[in-house]
């Protein structure tokens, strides 16, 4: 049985959810997968039969209490320390790789394992909609050069849409969106949520600090996983491990600008509105790409209270349907297995 050691950055749930989508397909191909990441709870619930080795694989943006804006001072400090430690950390990672003896190393999108993979002479693949080189600002030339050096060691980069160019990689293959598919039909999921056929479902996937006072039509039911929504028709639920099911059951999604929710809305053809921070360069890249596709769906946080949630309003929000190309990503990974 072929083995893959799969590194997932500790920054952002979108990286984990799309990695889960790929790993589920790899398991169907009878490929053994071991995951390196620190989010044990989510991964153990999503992939109960997959071994997860806990450990920090990456350090991402430090986010302010609003859940969106970048804390630039803390980001420079925390990511800077991580970049400076990569060479040392990769030595220990080489020892781990030597024990596991994988046939392939995959990273979304930590730079650290590429040094260890190269030393172990094992093929390595990056998969992401961005690289850290693309979205970091204010770091020293030496620090950026170290990231570039690591990424250049990758044998292949699978480049997903909704992001910058992933410049450091020498060998890139562009594919479509990769994300988890719904686990059941839209009708069945809506029934589990207590929704009638005539109900309009609005899924609010925003942080706890958000307080929204929209005007809500009588046939609109709101599901919120955090934000306080002032309406008689709102139900608060804990975030689902299979969040893509909530997306597919909805008629409108309100969320922050992230790869995970955006890709799930696009592959399910669900209208969505998002809030974003232009100083968060990944969010800006996603927003810019959506604009290029004719989806000017950004909404300012200050305008959330002006929303009129009704069937007529939702019908005016532009949406498109895109293919889920998770199986294509899996095919490319299989080609790289020795």
Protein backbone atom coordinates (compact mmCIF):
# COMPACT_ATOMS: atom_id res chain seq x y z
CA UNK A 1 0.00 0.00 0.00
CA UNK A 2 1.36 3.43 -0.98
CA UNK A 3 1.78 6.00 1.79
CA UNK A 4 1.31 9.78 1.79
CA UNK A 5 2.37 12.10 4.58
CA UNK A 6 0.02 15.08 4.31
CA UNK A 7 0.95 18.41 5.90
CA UNK A 8 -1.81 20.96 6.47
CA UNK A 9 -1.10 24.51 7.54
CA UNK A 10 -2.46 25.46 10.94
CA UNK A 11 -3.82 28.68 9.44
CA UNK A 12 -7.43 28.69 8.26
CA UNK A 13 -10.16 26.07 8.18
CA UNK A 14 -10.39 26.22 4.37
CA UNK A 15 -7.03 24.43 4.06
CA UNK A 16 -8.22 21.63 6.35
CA UNK A 17 -11.61 21.15 4.70
CA UNK A 18 -10.21 20.87 1.17
CA UNK A 19 -7.48 18.55 2.45
CA UNK A 20 -10.17 16.35 4.00
CA UNK A 21 -11.94 16.27 0.62
CA UNK A 22 -8.75 15.04 -1.08
CA UNK A 23 -7.86 12.54 1.64
CA UNK A 24 -11.32 10.97 1.52
CA UNK A 25 -10.79 10.29 -2.18
CA UNK A 26 -7.26 8.96 -1.58
CA UNK A 27 -8.61 6.48 0.94
CA UNK A 28 -11.02 5.16 -1.68
CA UNK A 29 -7.95 4.45 -3.82
CA UNK A 30 -6.49 2.37 -0.97
CA UNK A 31 -3.71 4.87 -0.33
CA UNK A 32 -2.58 5.15 3.30
CA UNK A 33 -2.51 8.73 4.58
CA UNK A 34 -0.93 10.18 7.71
CA UNK A 35 -1.75 13.81 8.54
CA UNK A 36 0.50 16.38 10.18
CA UNK A 37 -1.54 19.20 11.80
CA UNK A 38 -2.55 20.44 15.24
CA UNK A 39 -6.36 20.54 14.80
CA UNK A 40 -6.91 17.07 16.22
CA UNK A 41 -10.59 17.48 17.11
CA UNK A 42 -11.76 18.48 13.64
CA UNK A 43 -9.58 15.94 11.84
CA UNK A 44 -10.47 13.02 14.12
CA UNK A 45 -14.17 13.73 13.56
CA UNK A 46 -13.75 14.19 9.80
CA UNK A 47 -11.36 11.29 9.24
CA UNK A 48 -11.74 8.89 12.18
CA UNK A 49 -9.68 6.14 10.55
CA UNK A 50 -6.71 8.34 9.61
CA UNK A 51 -3.69 8.80 11.87
CA UNK A 52 -3.00 12.43 12.79
CA UNK A 53 0.38 13.41 14.21
CA UNK A 54 -0.15 16.60 16.16
CA UNK A 55 2.33 19.42 15.70
CA UNK A 56 2.65 22.96 14.42
CA UNK A 57 3.16 22.93 10.66
CA UNK A 58 2.82 26.64 9.99
CA UNK A 59 2.01 30.03 11.52
CA UNK A 60 -0.47 32.25 9.72
CA UNK A 61 -1.89 35.74 10.05
CA UNK A 62 -2.74 36.99 13.53
CA UNK A 63 -6.35 38.16 13.35
CA UNK A 64 -8.00 40.86 15.45
CA UNK A 65 -11.05 40.19 17.62
CA UNK A 66 -13.41 40.93 14.73
CA UNK A 67 -12.29 37.67 13.11
CA UNK A 68 -11.36 39.32 9.80
CA UNK A 69 -8.79 42.11 10.06
CA UNK A 70 -5.07 41.38 10.26
CA UNK A 71 -3.10 42.42 13.33
CA UNK A 72 0.00 43.48 11.41
CA UNK A 73 2.32 43.86 14.42
CA UNK A 74 1.58 40.40 15.83
CA UNK A 75 1.67 38.87 12.35
CA UNK A 76 5.16 40.19 11.68
CA UNK A 77 6.36 38.95 15.07
CA UNK A 78 4.78 35.47 15.05
CA UNK A 79 5.34 34.54 11.40
CA UNK A 80 8.82 36.03 11.53
CA UNK A 81 9.78 33.71 14.41
CA UNK A 82 8.35 30.74 12.51
CA UNK A 83 10.24 31.49 9.31
CA UNK A 84 13.47 31.85 11.25
CA UNK A 85 12.92 28.43 12.83
CA UNK A 86 12.03 26.51 9.65
CA UNK A 87 15.51 25.14 8.97
CA UNK A 88 15.83 23.84 12.54
CA UNK A 89 12.30 22.43 12.66
CA UNK A 90 12.78 20.63 9.34
CA UNK A 91 15.65 18.61 10.86
CA UNK A 92 13.24 17.04 13.33
CA UNK A 93 10.72 16.59 10.55
CA UNK A 94 13.29 14.61 8.57
CA UNK A 95 13.54 12.16 11.47
CA UNK A 96 9.75 11.74 11.46
CA UNK A 97 9.71 11.19 7.70
CA UNK A 98 12.48 8.59 8.02
CA UNK A 99 10.33 6.60 10.47
CA UNK A 100 7.10 6.80 8.44
CA UNK A 101 8.81 6.18 5.07
CA UNK A 102 6.08 7.76 2.90
CA UNK A 103 6.07 7.44 -0.88
CA UNK A 104 4.96 11.08 -1.26
CA UNK A 105 4.82 14.23 0.85
CA UNK A 106 2.02 16.74 0.29
CA UNK A 107 1.80 20.21 1.81
CA UNK A 108 -1.06 22.72 1.90
CA UNK A 109 0.82 25.04 2.16
CA UNK A 110 3.53 24.91 4.83
CA UNK A 111 7.01 25.56 3.43
CA UNK A 112 8.72 23.57 6.17
CA UNK A 113 8.33 19.95 4.92
CA UNK A 114 9.93 20.60 1.53
CA UNK A 115 13.40 20.84 3.07
CA UNK A 116 12.89 17.51 4.85
CA UNK A 117 11.38 15.85 1.77
CA UNK A 118 14.31 16.94 -0.35
CA UNK A 119 16.82 15.59 2.18
CA UNK A 120 14.91 12.27 2.33
CA UNK A 121 14.77 12.16 -1.49
CA UNK A 122 10.99 11.79 -1.51
CA UNK A 123 8.73 13.43 -4.09
CA UNK A 124 6.83 16.42 -2.72
CA UNK A 125 3.71 18.24 -3.91
CA UNK A 126 2.28 21.59 -2.87
CA UNK A 127 -1.44 22.20 -3.21
CA UNK A 128 -3.05 25.55 -2.47
CA UNK A 129 -4.67 28.69 -3.84
CA UNK A 130 -1.66 30.75 -2.64
CA UNK A 131 1.86 30.50 -1.25
CA UNK A 132 3.07 32.44 1.76
CA UNK A 133 5.48 34.32 -0.48
CA UNK A 134 2.48 35.76 -2.35
CA UNK A 135 0.63 37.12 0.68
CA UNK A 136 3.25 38.27 3.18
CA UNK A 137 4.40 41.89 3.38
CA UNK A 138 6.96 43.62 5.59
CA UNK A 139 9.28 40.66 6.10
CA UNK A 140 13.00 40.74 5.44
CA UNK A 141 14.49 39.76 2.09
CA UNK A 142 16.29 36.91 3.86
CA UNK A 143 13.05 35.54 5.33
CA UNK A 144 11.19 35.63 2.01
CA UNK A 145 14.19 34.04 0.29
CA UNK A 146 14.05 31.15 2.76
CA UNK A 147 10.38 30.51 1.92
CA UNK A 148 11.14 30.69 -1.79
CA UNK A 149 14.00 28.24 -1.39
CA UNK A 150 11.70 25.75 0.30
CA UNK A 151 8.91 26.07 -2.27
CA UNK A 152 11.35 25.70 -5.17
CA UNK A 153 12.19 22.22 -3.87
CA UNK A 154 8.63 21.00 -4.55
CA UNK A 155 8.38 18.59 -7.47
CA UNK A 156 4.89 19.83 -8.34
CA UNK A 157 2.48 22.57 -7.27
CA UNK A 158 -1.24 21.98 -7.80
CA UNK A 159 -2.59 25.51 -8.11
CA UNK A 160 -6.20 26.08 -7.11
CA UNK A 161 -8.25 29.08 -8.24
CA UNK A 162 -9.20 32.05 -6.05
CA UNK A 163 -5.71 33.25 -5.28
CA UNK A 164 -2.44 34.80 -6.51
CA UNK A 165 0.06 33.21 -8.88
CA UNK A 166 2.08 31.02 -6.47
CA UNK A 167 5.23 32.42 -8.09
CA UNK A 168 7.98 30.46 -6.31
CA UNK A 169 7.00 27.08 -7.76
CA UNK A 170 8.82 25.92 -10.88
CA UNK A 171 6.37 23.20 -11.93
CA UNK A 172 2.70 24.18 -11.61
CA UNK A 173 -0.52 22.51 -12.69
CA UNK A 174 -3.68 24.62 -12.55
CA UNK A 175 -6.97 22.88 -11.77
CA UNK A 176 -10.44 23.92 -10.63
CA UNK A 177 -11.95 24.12 -7.15
CA UNK A 178 -11.25 21.45 -4.55
CA UNK A 179 -13.69 21.15 -1.66
CA UNK A 180 -15.89 18.73 0.27
CA UNK A 181 -19.08 17.52 -1.37
CA UNK A 182 -22.39 17.36 0.52
CA UNK A 183 -22.87 14.09 2.39
CA UNK A 184 -26.58 13.92 1.55
CA UNK A 185 -29.17 15.47 -0.75
CA UNK A 186 -30.27 19.06 -0.26
CA UNK A 187 -33.79 17.85 0.55
CA UNK A 188 -32.60 15.45 3.26
CA UNK A 189 -30.30 18.00 4.87
CA UNK A 190 -33.06 20.63 4.95
CA UNK A 191 -35.37 18.10 6.58
CA UNK A 192 -32.76 17.49 9.32
CA UNK A 193 -32.64 21.25 9.87
CA UNK A 194 -36.42 21.43 10.24
CA UNK A 195 -36.90 23.43 7.04
CA UNK A 196 -40.06 23.21 4.94
CA UNK A 197 -39.97 23.25 1.14
CA UNK A 198 -41.33 26.80 1.14
CA UNK A 199 -38.76 28.13 3.64
CA UNK A 200 -35.94 30.40 2.47
CA UNK A 201 -32.80 29.48 4.42
CA UNK A 202 -30.07 32.04 5.12
CA UNK A 203 -26.87 30.59 6.58
CA UNK A 204 -24.88 33.18 8.58
CA UNK A 205 -21.32 31.94 9.08
CA UNK A 206 -19.74 34.93 10.83
CA UNK A 207 -17.92 35.37 14.13
CA UNK A 208 -19.50 35.96 17.54
CA UNK A 209 -18.68 39.67 17.54
CA UNK A 210 -21.06 40.35 14.62
CA UNK A 211 -24.45 41.78 15.55
CA UNK A 212 -26.85 41.99 12.62
CA UNK A 213 -30.30 43.58 12.49
CA UNK A 214 -31.65 42.79 9.02
CA UNK A 215 -35.22 43.06 7.82
CA UNK A 216 -36.45 39.49 7.45
CA UNK A 217 -39.40 38.24 5.40
CA UNK A 218 -41.81 35.88 7.17
CA UNK A 219 -40.79 32.84 5.09
CA UNK A 220 -37.05 33.30 5.77
CA UNK A 221 -35.37 31.05 8.33
CA UNK A 222 -31.89 32.02 9.54
CA UNK A 223 -29.23 29.63 10.78
CA UNK A 224 -26.28 31.22 12.57
CA UNK A 225 -23.10 29.55 13.83
CA UNK A 226 -21.91 32.55 15.80
CA UNK A 227 -23.16 35.98 14.82
CA UNK A 228 -26.00 37.51 16.81
CA UNK A 229 -28.91 38.03 14.42
CA UNK A 230 -31.84 40.05 15.73
CA UNK A 231 -34.83 38.23 14.25
CA UNK A 232 -37.66 35.98 15.40
CA UNK A 233 -36.70 33.43 12.75
CA UNK A 234 -33.13 32.62 13.79
CA UNK A 235 -31.71 29.32 15.08
CA UNK A 236 -28.25 29.18 16.62
CA UNK A 237 -26.30 25.98 16.06
CA UNK A 238 -22.75 24.81 16.68
CA UNK A 239 -20.57 24.74 13.54
CA UNK A 240 -21.01 21.43 11.74
CA UNK A 241 -18.00 19.30 10.87
CA UNK A 242 -19.70 18.83 7.49
CA UNK A 243 -20.23 22.55 6.95
CA UNK A 244 -20.71 22.02 3.22
CA UNK A 245 -24.06 20.40 4.09
CA UNK A 246 -25.26 23.68 5.61
CA UNK A 247 -24.18 25.49 2.45
CA UNK A 248 -26.01 23.12 0.13
CA UNK A 249 -29.20 23.39 2.24
CA UNK A 250 -29.19 27.19 2.09
CA UNK A 251 -30.56 29.77 -0.32
CA UNK A 252 -28.08 32.46 0.75
CA UNK A 253 -24.79 32.39 2.69
CA UNK A 254 -23.28 35.31 4.61
CA UNK A 255 -19.64 34.69 5.53
CA UNK A 256 -16.15 36.11 5.66
CA UNK A 257 -14.06 35.92 2.51
CA UNK A 258 -12.30 32.57 2.77
CA UNK A 259 -11.51 29.77 0.35
CA UNK A 260 -13.59 27.15 2.14
CA UNK A 261 -17.00 28.80 2.18
CA UNK A 262 -16.47 30.47 -1.18
CA UNK A 263 -15.57 27.21 -2.93
CA UNK A 264 -18.50 25.37 -1.35
CA UNK A 265 -20.95 28.10 -2.43
CA UNK A 266 -19.58 28.06 -5.98
CA UNK A 267 -19.67 24.25 -6.38
CA UNK A 268 -23.20 24.09 -4.95
CA UNK A 269 -24.43 27.12 -6.90
CA UNK A 270 -25.54 28.94 -3.75
CA UNK A 271 -25.72 32.78 -3.72
CA UNK A 272 -23.43 34.35 -1.14
CA UNK A 273 -22.29 37.68 0.29
CA UNK A 274 -18.95 38.11 2.04
CA UNK A 275 -17.09 40.57 4.23
CA UNK A 276 -13.35 40.98 3.77
CA UNK A 277 -10.29 43.03 4.69
CA UNK A 278 -8.08 44.33 1.86
CA UNK A 279 -5.07 44.25 4.20
CA UNK A 280 -5.49 40.47 4.40
CA UNK A 281 -3.85 39.69 1.07
CA UNK A 282 -5.36 36.22 0.67
CA UNK A 283 -8.85 37.65 1.21
CA UNK A 284 -8.07 40.42 -1.26
CA UNK A 285 -6.87 37.91 -3.87
CA UNK A 286 -10.07 35.88 -3.49
CA UNK A 287 -12.21 39.01 -3.70
CA UNK A 288 -10.35 40.24 -6.79
CA UNK A 289 -10.82 36.86 -8.49
CA UNK A 290 -14.54 36.84 -7.71
CA UNK A 291 -14.85 40.30 -9.25
CA UNK A 292 -13.13 39.05 -12.40
CA UNK A 293 -15.75 36.31 -12.59
CA UNK A 294 -18.53 38.89 -12.38
CA UNK A 295 -19.39 38.23 -8.73
CA UNK A 296 -19.27 41.59 -6.96
CA UNK A 297 -20.70 40.06 -3.78
CA UNK A 298 -18.66 41.88 -1.18
CA UNK A 299 -20.62 43.65 1.54
CA UNK A 300 -19.21 46.03 4.15
CA UNK A 301 -19.72 45.07 7.77
CA UNK A 302 -21.47 48.41 8.30
CA UNK A 303 -24.03 47.50 5.63
CA UNK A 304 -25.07 44.16 7.12
CA UNK A 305 -27.82 45.90 9.08
CA UNK A 306 -29.27 47.29 5.83
CA UNK A 307 -30.01 43.82 4.44
CA UNK A 308 -33.56 42.95 3.48
CA UNK A 309 -33.63 39.15 3.55
CA UNK A 310 -36.32 38.01 1.17
CA UNK A 311 -36.74 35.80 -1.88
CA UNK A 312 -36.68 38.87 -4.13
CA UNK A 313 -33.41 40.14 -2.62
CA UNK A 314 -31.68 36.76 -2.91
CA UNK A 315 -32.76 36.38 -6.54
CA UNK A 316 -30.79 39.52 -7.41
CA UNK A 317 -27.46 38.21 -6.03
CA UNK A 318 -25.26 36.88 -8.79
CA UNK A 319 -24.04 33.33 -8.56
CA UNK A 320 -22.39 30.75 -10.79
CA UNK A 321 -21.92 26.99 -10.67
CA UNK A 322 -18.40 25.60 -10.90
CA UNK A 323 -17.10 22.03 -10.99
CA UNK A 324 -15.62 20.32 -7.97
CA UNK A 325 -12.28 18.96 -9.24
CA UNK A 326 -11.12 17.10 -6.14
CA UNK A 327 -10.73 13.89 -8.15
CA UNK A 328 -8.40 15.65 -10.59
CA UNK A 329 -6.18 16.66 -7.66
CA UNK A 330 -6.15 13.05 -6.50
CA UNK A 331 -5.17 11.85 -9.98
CA UNK A 332 -2.21 14.24 -10.01
CA UNK A 333 -1.10 13.02 -6.58
CA UNK A 334 -1.31 9.39 -7.72
CA UNK A 335 0.95 10.21 -10.66
CA UNK A 336 3.58 11.49 -8.21
CA UNK A 337 3.57 8.37 -6.01
CA UNK A 338 6.68 6.23 -6.36
